């Protein structure tokens, strides 16, 4: 007997009751209508549970399912036909997450010091193979779908081997995210890697669904359906490419359409969507709309339900544009905190500082900035960086900066604030920023705010 499905290391999305259906597909020698039995062996248990009749063999084949499997694992699936018994090990029942976007979601952190793998966090790799999640998650040339290939034919085969032999980068946020979700929720995690470096919203267009594996969107939808068709949420880190072109001016419109299309095509109208706001960039002036994309990535929270954004602007890079390995671990924890609130309903977990209002004192020497969604209080109390005030194209000095309350900072000026001034936080490509809350969630880039 041969079990074709499920595959070793597969993760199955649980339903609202915490239960999942495990599809079973086998071929075997046996008599027509011979009965097929299956059972799940939980961790630490002997194989002594009751066998469940799941169907009958037809023309040497069977397709069916074992239902009502509780969240957890790693499980062992046993299938019996007559005296034949076959086994699939290391199965998980938990929550599946799409990892989509461009290279920072792929992960380009140096492989020294990567997040240690966990037997409770698995990945559905580009070759449609389940395995324990281990950085790097992205191996483009090994993909089933041609959209991810960098080369073709024998050149691709050689590149696959060369990549395996010599690759030194590829740490991303996914493994740490999965481990943190498991730590917080006690639920195993499956990561569906779908990202592709250097890609724009136009390349991710839902209009290309019909192209299947020749398009990023088509490949993503196909891969989700290949693992059962339902997921718990999507993690999205993209926008660098759009910030370099005029498409950045319409980023909010494109992102909103993308989320709406994904929800429609997966038949999950409330699918949670976690967005990473662009981090810093160490380089020239090739991204004129960087701040516009960043502010759109926060504005999407007000456009759609079940969307939350976390900033990466205070993190460090391993090169001019890619987050370092250590920063990717921090980002994974931040995304898990957002999931705790948005997906798992922990109301005590706030989203992190969100600009609420700015008020200028009567003598125009002080600007009070109020925030919402703060965990505990803002930090550090003094000496924080990131705010700029501009008037008539020039910066206004801010010699005094201090936290005046759990959700309020005040900015003190040397001279009365000029008319027409605007406030920014995190303006530019590589700002110095460090305002966070007690949970370590950072203040996102925002502005310009008229004062």
Protein backbone atom coordinates (compact mmCIF):
# COMPACT_ATOMS: atom_id res chain seq x y z
CA UNK A 1 0.00 0.00 0.00
CA UNK A 2 1.18 3.50 -0.85
CA UNK A 3 -0.15 6.64 0.84
CA UNK A 4 -0.14 9.54 -1.65
CA UNK A 5 -1.81 12.00 0.70
CA UNK A 6 -1.20 13.38 3.26
CA UNK A 7 2.49 14.13 2.88
CA UNK A 8 4.91 13.89 5.78
CA UNK A 9 5.12 17.20 7.71
CA UNK A 10 1.80 18.48 6.27
CA UNK A 11 -0.14 21.06 8.30
CA UNK A 12 -3.95 21.19 8.19
CA UNK A 13 -6.03 24.28 8.87
CA UNK A 14 -8.34 23.77 11.85
CA UNK A 15 -11.91 25.09 11.84
CA UNK A 16 -13.56 27.33 14.44
CA UNK A 17 -14.06 24.34 16.69
CA UNK A 18 -10.32 23.58 16.57
CA UNK A 19 -10.80 20.47 14.41
CA UNK A 20 -9.46 19.54 10.99
CA UNK A 21 -10.11 17.08 8.21
CA UNK A 22 -7.13 15.07 6.98
CA UNK A 23 -7.56 13.90 3.37
CA UNK A 24 -6.38 10.37 2.63
CA UNK A 25 -5.43 9.02 -0.79
CA UNK A 26 -3.94 5.55 -1.19
CA UNK A 27 -3.33 2.86 -3.78
CA UNK A 28 -3.11 -0.76 -2.75
CA UNK A 29 -3.47 -4.31 -3.88
CA UNK A 30 -6.68 -5.76 -2.55
CA UNK A 31 -10.12 -6.99 -3.36
CA UNK A 32 -12.79 -4.67 -4.73
CA UNK A 33 -14.80 -3.09 -1.90
CA UNK A 34 -12.22 -4.03 0.71
CA UNK A 35 -12.67 -1.78 3.73
CA UNK A 36 -10.20 1.02 4.51
CA UNK A 37 -9.52 1.97 8.13
CA UNK A 38 -7.52 4.86 9.57
CA UNK A 39 -6.52 6.26 12.95
CA UNK A 40 -4.45 9.08 14.43
CA UNK A 41 -1.78 8.41 17.02
CA UNK A 42 -1.13 11.43 19.23
CA UNK A 43 2.32 12.35 20.56
CA UNK A 44 3.48 10.08 23.36
CA UNK A 45 0.68 7.57 22.84
CA UNK A 46 0.97 3.93 21.84
CA UNK A 47 -0.77 2.83 18.63
CA UNK A 48 -3.71 1.32 20.48
CA UNK A 49 -6.62 3.58 19.54
CA UNK A 50 -9.74 2.45 17.72
CA UNK A 51 -9.60 2.12 13.95
CA UNK A 52 -12.18 4.19 12.08
CA UNK A 53 -13.78 2.92 8.90
CA UNK A 54 -13.21 5.65 6.28
CA UNK A 55 -14.39 3.89 3.10
CA UNK A 56 -13.74 1.11 0.63
CA UNK A 57 -11.06 0.32 -1.91
CA UNK A 58 -12.23 0.81 -5.52
CA UNK A 59 -10.12 -0.51 -8.40
CA UNK A 60 -7.05 -0.50 -6.18
CA UNK A 61 -7.48 3.09 -5.00
CA UNK A 62 -9.14 5.06 -2.22
CA UNK A 63 -9.82 8.75 -1.63
CA UNK A 64 -11.46 9.93 1.54
CA UNK A 65 -10.78 11.73 4.81
CA UNK A 66 -10.40 11.31 8.53
CA UNK A 67 -12.43 14.00 10.23
CA UNK A 68 -12.54 15.70 13.60
CA UNK A 69 -8.79 15.74 14.32
CA UNK A 70 -8.00 18.12 17.18
CA UNK A 71 -5.47 20.94 16.98
CA UNK A 72 -2.00 19.70 17.90
CA UNK A 73 0.61 17.18 16.88
CA UNK A 74 2.98 15.99 15.65
CA UNK A 75 0.56 13.19 14.78
CA UNK A 76 1.08 9.83 13.13
CA UNK A 77 -1.57 8.71 10.63
CA UNK A 78 -2.02 4.97 10.21
CA UNK A 79 -4.03 3.43 7.37
CA UNK A 80 -5.03 -0.25 7.26
CA UNK A 81 -6.43 -2.31 4.39
CA UNK A 82 -6.74 -5.95 5.30
CA UNK A 83 -3.37 -6.93 6.76
CA UNK A 84 -1.57 -4.01 5.08
CA UNK A 85 -0.70 -1.03 7.26
CA UNK A 86 1.02 2.19 6.11
CA UNK A 87 2.09 5.20 8.18
CA UNK A 88 2.62 8.95 7.66
CA UNK A 89 4.38 10.82 10.46
CA UNK A 90 4.86 14.36 11.70
CA UNK A 91 1.45 15.82 10.79
CA UNK A 92 0.17 19.00 12.45
CA UNK A 93 -3.29 20.49 12.89
CA UNK A 94 -3.18 24.23 13.47
CA UNK A 95 -3.18 27.51 11.53
CA UNK A 96 -1.83 28.26 8.05
CA UNK A 97 -0.38 31.64 7.07
CA UNK A 98 0.52 33.00 3.64
CA UNK A 99 3.89 34.77 3.46
CA UNK A 100 3.73 37.11 0.45
CA UNK A 101 5.43 40.22 -0.90
CA UNK A 102 8.97 40.80 -2.10
CA UNK A 103 12.53 40.19 -0.92
CA UNK A 104 12.23 41.28 2.70
CA UNK A 105 9.46 38.70 3.14
CA UNK A 106 11.65 36.13 1.37
CA UNK A 107 14.31 37.05 3.88
CA UNK A 108 17.80 38.24 2.95
CA UNK A 109 19.34 38.32 6.39
CA UNK A 110 22.69 36.56 6.71
CA UNK A 111 22.32 32.88 7.56
CA UNK A 112 24.66 33.10 10.55
CA UNK A 113 22.45 33.24 13.63
CA UNK A 114 19.16 32.25 11.99
CA UNK A 115 16.15 31.34 14.08
CA UNK A 116 16.31 27.72 15.26
CA UNK A 117 13.62 25.54 13.66
CA UNK A 118 10.72 24.09 15.63
CA UNK A 119 8.90 20.80 15.09
CA UNK A 120 5.66 22.78 15.58
CA UNK A 121 6.31 25.17 12.65
CA UNK A 122 6.37 23.70 9.14
CA UNK A 123 6.63 25.29 5.69
CA UNK A 124 5.05 24.52 2.32
CA UNK A 125 8.04 25.24 0.12
CA UNK A 126 8.02 26.37 -3.51
CA UNK A 127 8.42 22.78 -4.70
CA UNK A 128 5.04 21.95 -3.11
CA UNK A 129 6.82 19.97 -0.40
CA UNK A 130 6.01 20.18 3.30
CA UNK A 131 8.96 20.20 5.71
CA UNK A 132 9.99 21.70 9.04
CA UNK A 133 10.39 25.46 8.47
CA UNK A 134 14.05 26.36 8.28
CA UNK A 135 15.66 29.47 6.76
CA UNK A 136 16.00 30.08 3.88
CA UNK A 137 12.35 29.46 3.04
CA UNK A 138 12.70 30.71 -0.55
CA UNK A 139 14.36 28.55 -3.22
CA UNK A 140 13.11 30.12 -6.45
CA UNK A 141 14.52 27.73 -9.03
CA UNK A 142 13.09 24.72 -7.21
CA UNK A 143 9.54 26.03 -7.57
CA UNK A 144 6.74 24.12 -9.25
CA UNK A 145 5.43 27.37 -10.72
CA UNK A 146 7.55 28.95 -13.49
CA UNK A 147 6.86 32.50 -12.26
CA UNK A 148 9.53 31.96 -9.59
CA UNK A 149 12.23 30.55 -11.86
CA UNK A 150 15.30 32.66 -12.50
CA UNK A 151 16.67 30.31 -15.20
CA UNK A 152 15.42 27.48 -17.41
CA UNK A 153 16.48 24.00 -18.48
CA UNK A 154 19.92 22.74 -17.54
CA UNK A 155 20.95 26.19 -16.37
CA UNK A 156 18.20 26.05 -13.76
CA UNK A 157 19.30 22.60 -12.61
CA UNK A 158 22.87 23.86 -12.18
CA UNK A 159 21.64 26.96 -10.35
CA UNK A 160 19.63 24.83 -7.91
CA UNK A 161 22.73 22.92 -6.91
CA UNK A 162 24.89 26.03 -6.74
CA UNK A 163 22.31 27.74 -4.52
CA UNK A 164 22.25 24.78 -2.16
CA UNK A 165 26.05 24.65 -2.02
CA UNK A 166 26.92 28.32 -1.61
CA UNK A 167 23.95 30.36 -0.38
CA UNK A 168 24.79 32.57 2.62
CA UNK A 169 21.66 34.73 3.06
CA UNK A 170 17.95 34.13 3.45
CA UNK A 171 16.83 34.72 7.03
CA UNK A 172 13.28 36.10 7.16
CA UNK A 173 10.51 36.73 9.70
CA UNK A 174 8.48 33.56 9.08
CA UNK A 175 10.15 31.01 11.36
CA UNK A 176 10.22 33.35 14.36
CA UNK A 177 6.63 34.41 13.66
CA UNK A 178 5.48 30.79 13.64
CA UNK A 179 7.33 29.97 16.83
CA UNK A 180 5.93 33.04 18.58
CA UNK A 181 2.36 32.20 17.52
CA UNK A 182 2.82 28.67 18.87
CA UNK A 183 4.25 30.06 22.11
CA UNK A 184 1.32 32.44 22.58
CA UNK A 185 -1.55 30.32 21.26
CA UNK A 186 -0.36 26.74 21.67
CA UNK A 187 -1.32 26.15 18.04
CA UNK A 188 1.02 24.59 15.44
CA UNK A 189 1.76 26.77 12.42
CA UNK A 190 2.12 26.13 8.70
CA UNK A 191 3.84 28.77 6.54
CA UNK A 192 2.95 28.97 2.84
CA UNK A 193 5.83 30.84 1.22
CA UNK A 194 4.70 32.82 -1.84
CA UNK A 195 6.94 35.92 -1.98
CA UNK A 196 9.22 36.98 -4.82
CA UNK A 197 12.00 39.56 -4.61
CA UNK A 198 11.90 42.76 -6.63
CA UNK A 199 8.19 42.57 -7.45
CA UNK A 200 5.62 45.35 -7.73
CA UNK A 201 1.89 45.52 -7.08
CA UNK A 202 1.39 45.34 -10.85
CA UNK A 203 3.22 42.00 -10.91
CA UNK A 204 1.01 40.82 -8.05
CA UNK A 205 -2.14 41.92 -9.89
CA UNK A 206 -5.20 39.71 -9.21
CA UNK A 207 -6.10 40.22 -12.90
CA UNK A 208 -3.38 37.65 -13.65
CA UNK A 209 -5.13 34.87 -11.74
CA UNK A 210 -5.93 33.10 -15.01
CA UNK A 211 -2.23 32.76 -15.77
CA UNK A 212 -1.92 30.28 -12.92
CA UNK A 213 1.64 29.37 -12.08
CA UNK A 214 2.97 31.90 -14.58
CA UNK A 215 1.81 34.75 -12.33
CA UNK A 216 2.55 35.58 -8.70
CA UNK A 217 -1.10 35.91 -7.77
CA UNK A 218 -2.11 32.77 -9.65
CA UNK A 219 0.70 30.80 -8.05
CA UNK A 220 -0.29 31.99 -4.56
CA UNK A 221 -3.93 31.02 -4.98
CA UNK A 222 -2.99 27.64 -6.49
CA UNK A 223 -0.65 26.86 -3.61
CA UNK A 224 -3.25 27.76 -0.98
CA UNK A 225 -5.77 25.49 -2.67
CA UNK A 226 -3.16 22.73 -2.83
CA UNK A 227 -3.00 22.65 0.98
CA UNK A 228 -6.75 22.73 1.57
CA UNK A 229 -7.92 26.14 0.38
CA UNK A 230 -8.25 27.92 3.73
CA UNK A 231 -5.74 29.88 5.79
CA UNK A 232 -5.74 31.80 9.06
CA UNK A 233 -4.16 34.97 7.67
CA UNK A 234 -1.73 36.61 5.28
CA UNK A 235 1.57 38.35 6.11
CA UNK A 236 2.47 41.00 3.51
CA UNK A 237 5.84 42.79 3.20
CA UNK A 238 6.10 44.63 -0.11
CA UNK A 239 6.27 48.13 -1.53
CA UNK A 240 9.93 48.88 -2.21
CA UNK A 241 9.46 48.39 -5.96
CA UNK A 242 6.39 50.64 -6.09
CA UNK A 243 8.18 53.35 -4.10
CA UNK A 244 10.65 53.65 -6.97
CA UNK A 245 8.00 54.48 -9.62
CA UNK A 246 4.88 56.56 -10.10
CA UNK A 247 2.89 53.47 -9.05
CA UNK A 248 3.78 54.47 -5.50
CA UNK A 249 1.30 57.33 -5.74
CA UNK A 250 -1.55 54.78 -6.05
CA UNK A 251 -0.23 52.22 -3.60
CA UNK A 252 -3.20 52.41 -1.23
CA UNK A 253 -5.63 51.84 -4.09
CA UNK A 254 -3.65 48.86 -5.38
CA UNK A 255 -3.18 47.28 -1.95
CA UNK A 256 -6.86 47.58 -1.13
CA UNK A 257 -7.84 45.94 -4.42
CA UNK A 258 -5.31 43.15 -3.83
CA UNK A 259 -6.68 42.32 -0.37
CA UNK A 260 -10.28 42.41 -1.57
CA UNK A 261 -9.44 40.10 -4.48
CA UNK A 262 -7.59 37.62 -2.27
CA UNK A 263 -10.52 37.47 0.12
CA UNK A 264 -12.91 36.90 -2.77
CA UNK A 265 -10.80 34.26 -4.53
CA UNK A 266 -10.23 32.31 -1.32
CA UNK A 267 -13.89 32.70 -0.25
CA UNK A 268 -12.76 34.23 3.04
CA UNK A 269 -14.35 37.71 3.12
CA UNK A 270 -12.80 38.56 6.51
CA UNK A 271 -9.35 37.05 5.93
CA UNK A 272 -6.93 38.81 8.34
CA UNK A 273 -4.11 40.69 6.63
CA UNK A 274 -0.93 41.79 8.44
CA UNK A 275 1.10 44.46 6.65
CA UNK A 276 4.71 45.43 7.28
CA UNK A 277 5.42 49.14 6.78
CA UNK A 278 8.62 49.65 4.81
CA UNK A 279 11.80 49.88 6.84
CA UNK A 280 14.84 52.09 6.21
CA UNK A 281 16.90 52.30 3.03
CA UNK A 282 20.64 52.99 2.95
CA UNK A 283 21.33 54.35 -0.50
CA UNK A 284 20.70 57.09 -3.02
CA UNK A 285 17.54 58.80 -4.17
CA UNK A 286 16.03 55.97 -6.21
CA UNK A 287 12.81 55.75 -4.21
CA UNK A 288 10.96 59.09 -4.49
CA UNK A 289 7.69 57.72 -3.08
CA UNK A 290 9.08 55.78 -0.11
CA UNK A 291 7.24 57.86 2.51
CA UNK A 292 4.03 57.86 0.45
CA UNK A 293 4.00 54.06 0.35
CA UNK A 294 4.75 53.93 4.08
CA UNK A 295 1.84 56.19 4.97
CA UNK A 296 -0.48 54.23 2.66
CA UNK A 297 0.52 51.05 4.46
CA UNK A 298 -0.87 52.51 7.68
CA UNK A 299 -3.88 54.12 6.00
CA UNK A 300 -5.08 50.69 4.82
CA UNK A 301 -6.16 50.00 8.42
CA UNK A 302 -8.90 52.60 7.96
CA UNK A 303 -9.93 51.31 4.54
CA UNK A 304 -10.62 47.66 5.36
CA UNK A 305 -11.58 45.58 8.39
CA UNK A 306 -9.23 42.92 9.76
CA UNK A 307 -6.08 44.66 8.54
CA UNK A 308 -3.23 45.75 10.82
CA UNK A 309 0.19 47.26 10.12
CA UNK A 310 3.50 47.08 11.95
CA UNK A 311 6.49 49.28 11.22
CA UNK A 312 10.03 48.14 10.43
CA UNK A 313 11.47 51.65 10.13
CA UNK A 314 13.44 51.36 13.39
CA UNK A 315 15.14 48.07 12.44
CA UNK A 316 18.64 47.45 11.09
CA UNK A 317 19.75 46.27 7.64
CA UNK A 318 22.30 43.71 6.44
CA UNK A 319 22.75 45.64 3.17
CA UNK A 320 21.23 48.73 1.60
CA UNK A 321 17.62 47.55 1.73
CA UNK A 322 17.27 44.15 3.43
CA UNK A 323 16.60 43.66 7.14
CA UNK A 324 19.30 41.93 9.15
CA UNK A 325 18.80 38.49 10.65
CA UNK A 326 18.38 39.94 14.14
CA UNK A 327 15.85 42.49 12.85
CA UNK A 328 13.86 39.79 11.06
CA UNK A 329 13.49 37.97 14.38
CA UNK A 330 12.19 41.17 15.99
CA UNK A 331 9.76 41.62 13.10
CA UNK A 332 8.50 38.06 13.51
CA UNK A 333 7.63 38.77 17.14
CA UNK A 334 5.92 42.04 16.21
CA UNK A 335 3.78 40.29 13.60
CA UNK A 336 2.82 37.65 16.16
CA UNK A 337 1.70 40.41 18.53
CA UNK A 338 -0.54 41.82 15.80
CA UNK A 339 -1.90 38.34 15.15
CA UNK A 340 -2.59 37.99 18.88
CA UNK A 341 -4.91 40.98 18.65
CA UNK A 342 -6.32 40.82 15.13
CA UNK A 343 -6.64 37.06 14.66
CA UNK A 344 -6.82 35.54 18.13
CA UNK A 345 -8.91 38.27 19.78
CA UNK A 346 -6.63 39.30 22.62
CA UNK A 347 -8.13 42.71 23.41
CA UNK A 348 -5.40 43.52 25.93
CA UNK A 349 -2.86 43.51 23.09
CA UNK A 350 -2.82 46.90 21.35
CA UNK A 351 -1.63 47.45 17.79
CA UNK A 352 1.13 49.85 18.82
CA UNK A 353 1.31 53.67 18.77
CA UNK A 354 -1.00 55.25 16.19
CA UNK A 355 -1.04 58.99 15.58
CA UNK A 356 -4.29 60.45 16.88
CA UNK A 357 -3.98 64.24 17.06
CA UNK A 358 -1.54 67.16 17.29
CA UNK A 359 -2.21 70.34 19.27
CA UNK A 360 -0.20 73.57 19.26
CA UNK A 361 0.02 75.60 22.47
CA UNK A 362 -1.36 79.13 22.57
CA UNK A 363 2.13 80.67 22.56
CA UNK A 364 3.06 78.29 19.68
CA UNK A 365 6.17 77.09 21.51
CA UNK A 366 4.90 73.57 22.22
CA UNK A 367 3.36 70.83 20.09
CA UNK A 368 1.47 68.07 21.89
CA UNK A 369 1.18 64.80 19.93
CA UNK A 370 -1.35 62.23 21.12
CA UNK A 371 -1.44 58.54 20.20
CA UNK A 372 -3.89 55.66 20.47
CA UNK A 373 -3.29 51.88 20.63
CA UNK A 374 -0.34 52.24 23.03
CA UNK A 375 0.65 49.22 25.10
CA UNK A 376 1.40 50.58 28.57
CA UNK A 377 3.29 53.80 27.85
CA UNK A 378 5.55 55.42 25.30
CA UNK A 379 9.32 54.98 25.57
CA UNK A 380 11.93 56.38 26.02
CA UNK A 381 10.63 59.19 28.21
CA UNK A 382 13.21 61.66 26.92
CA UNK A 383 15.67 61.81 24.08
CA UNK A 384 13.53 60.00 21.53
CA UNK A 385 14.08 60.71 17.85
CA UNK A 386 12.08 60.75 14.66
CA UNK A 387 9.88 63.87 14.73
CA UNK A 388 10.46 66.68 12.25
CA UNK A 389 8.57 69.93 11.82
CA UNK A 390 8.83 71.77 8.50
CA UNK A 391 7.73 75.23 7.49
CA UNK A 392 8.36 76.93 4.15
CA UNK A 393 10.61 74.05 3.09
CA UNK A 394 12.88 74.33 6.15
CA UNK A 395 13.11 72.28 9.34
CA UNK A 396 12.11 73.85 12.62
CA UNK A 397 14.50 72.97 15.50
CA UNK A 398 12.98 70.80 18.28
CA UNK A 399 15.36 71.18 21.25
CA UNK A 400 12.97 69.60 23.78
CA UNK A 401 11.30 66.18 23.35
CA UNK A 402 9.66 64.34 26.22
CA UNK A 403 6.85 61.91 27.03
CA UNK A 404 4.13 63.81 28.88
CA UNK A 405 1.78 60.89 29.55
CA UNK A 406 1.21 57.24 28.66
CA UNK A 407 0.01 58.23 25.17
CA UNK A 408 1.38 61.74 24.70
CA UNK A 409 4.65 63.38 23.74
CA UNK A 410 5.44 67.08 23.70
CA UNK A 411 7.85 68.86 21.40
CA UNK A 412 9.36 72.14 22.62
CA UNK A 413 10.49 74.83 20.15
CA UNK A 414 12.95 77.71 20.46
CA UNK A 415 10.75 80.15 18.58
CA UNK A 416 7.00 80.32 17.94
CA UNK A 417 5.83 77.83 15.33
CA UNK A 418 5.44 79.46 11.89
CA UNK A 419 2.10 79.32 10.11
CA UNK A 420 1.70 76.54 7.60
CA UNK A 421 4.02 74.15 9.45
CA UNK A 422 3.61 70.35 9.13
CA UNK A 423 4.63 67.46 11.37
CA UNK A 424 6.30 64.20 10.32
CA UNK A 425 7.53 61.15 12.10
CA UNK A 426 10.13 59.01 10.34
CA UNK A 427 10.43 61.18 7.24
CA UNK A 428 13.10 60.24 4.73
CA UNK A 429 14.75 57.01 3.61
CA UNK A 430 16.91 56.35 6.65
CA UNK A 431 15.48 58.27 9.61
CA UNK A 432 16.72 57.97 13.18
CA UNK A 433 13.65 56.74 15.08
CA UNK A 434 13.17 55.00 18.42
CA UNK A 435 9.70 55.79 19.82
CA UNK A 436 8.02 52.57 20.97
CA UNK A 437 5.52 51.37 23.53
CA UNK A 438 6.06 49.03 26.48
CA UNK A 439 5.44 45.99 24.25
CA UNK A 440 8.24 47.04 21.91
CA UNK A 441 5.88 48.00 19.08
CA UNK A 442 7.19 51.05 17.20
CA UNK A 443 5.50 54.22 16.10
CA UNK A 444 4.92 53.94 12.34
CA UNK A 445 5.97 56.62 9.87
CA UNK A 446 3.26 59.26 9.51
CA UNK A 447 2.80 62.71 8.00
CA UNK A 448 2.52 65.36 6.81
CA UNK A 449 0.19 66.57 9.58
CA UNK A 450 -0.80 70.27 9.32
CA UNK A 451 -0.13 72.21 12.53
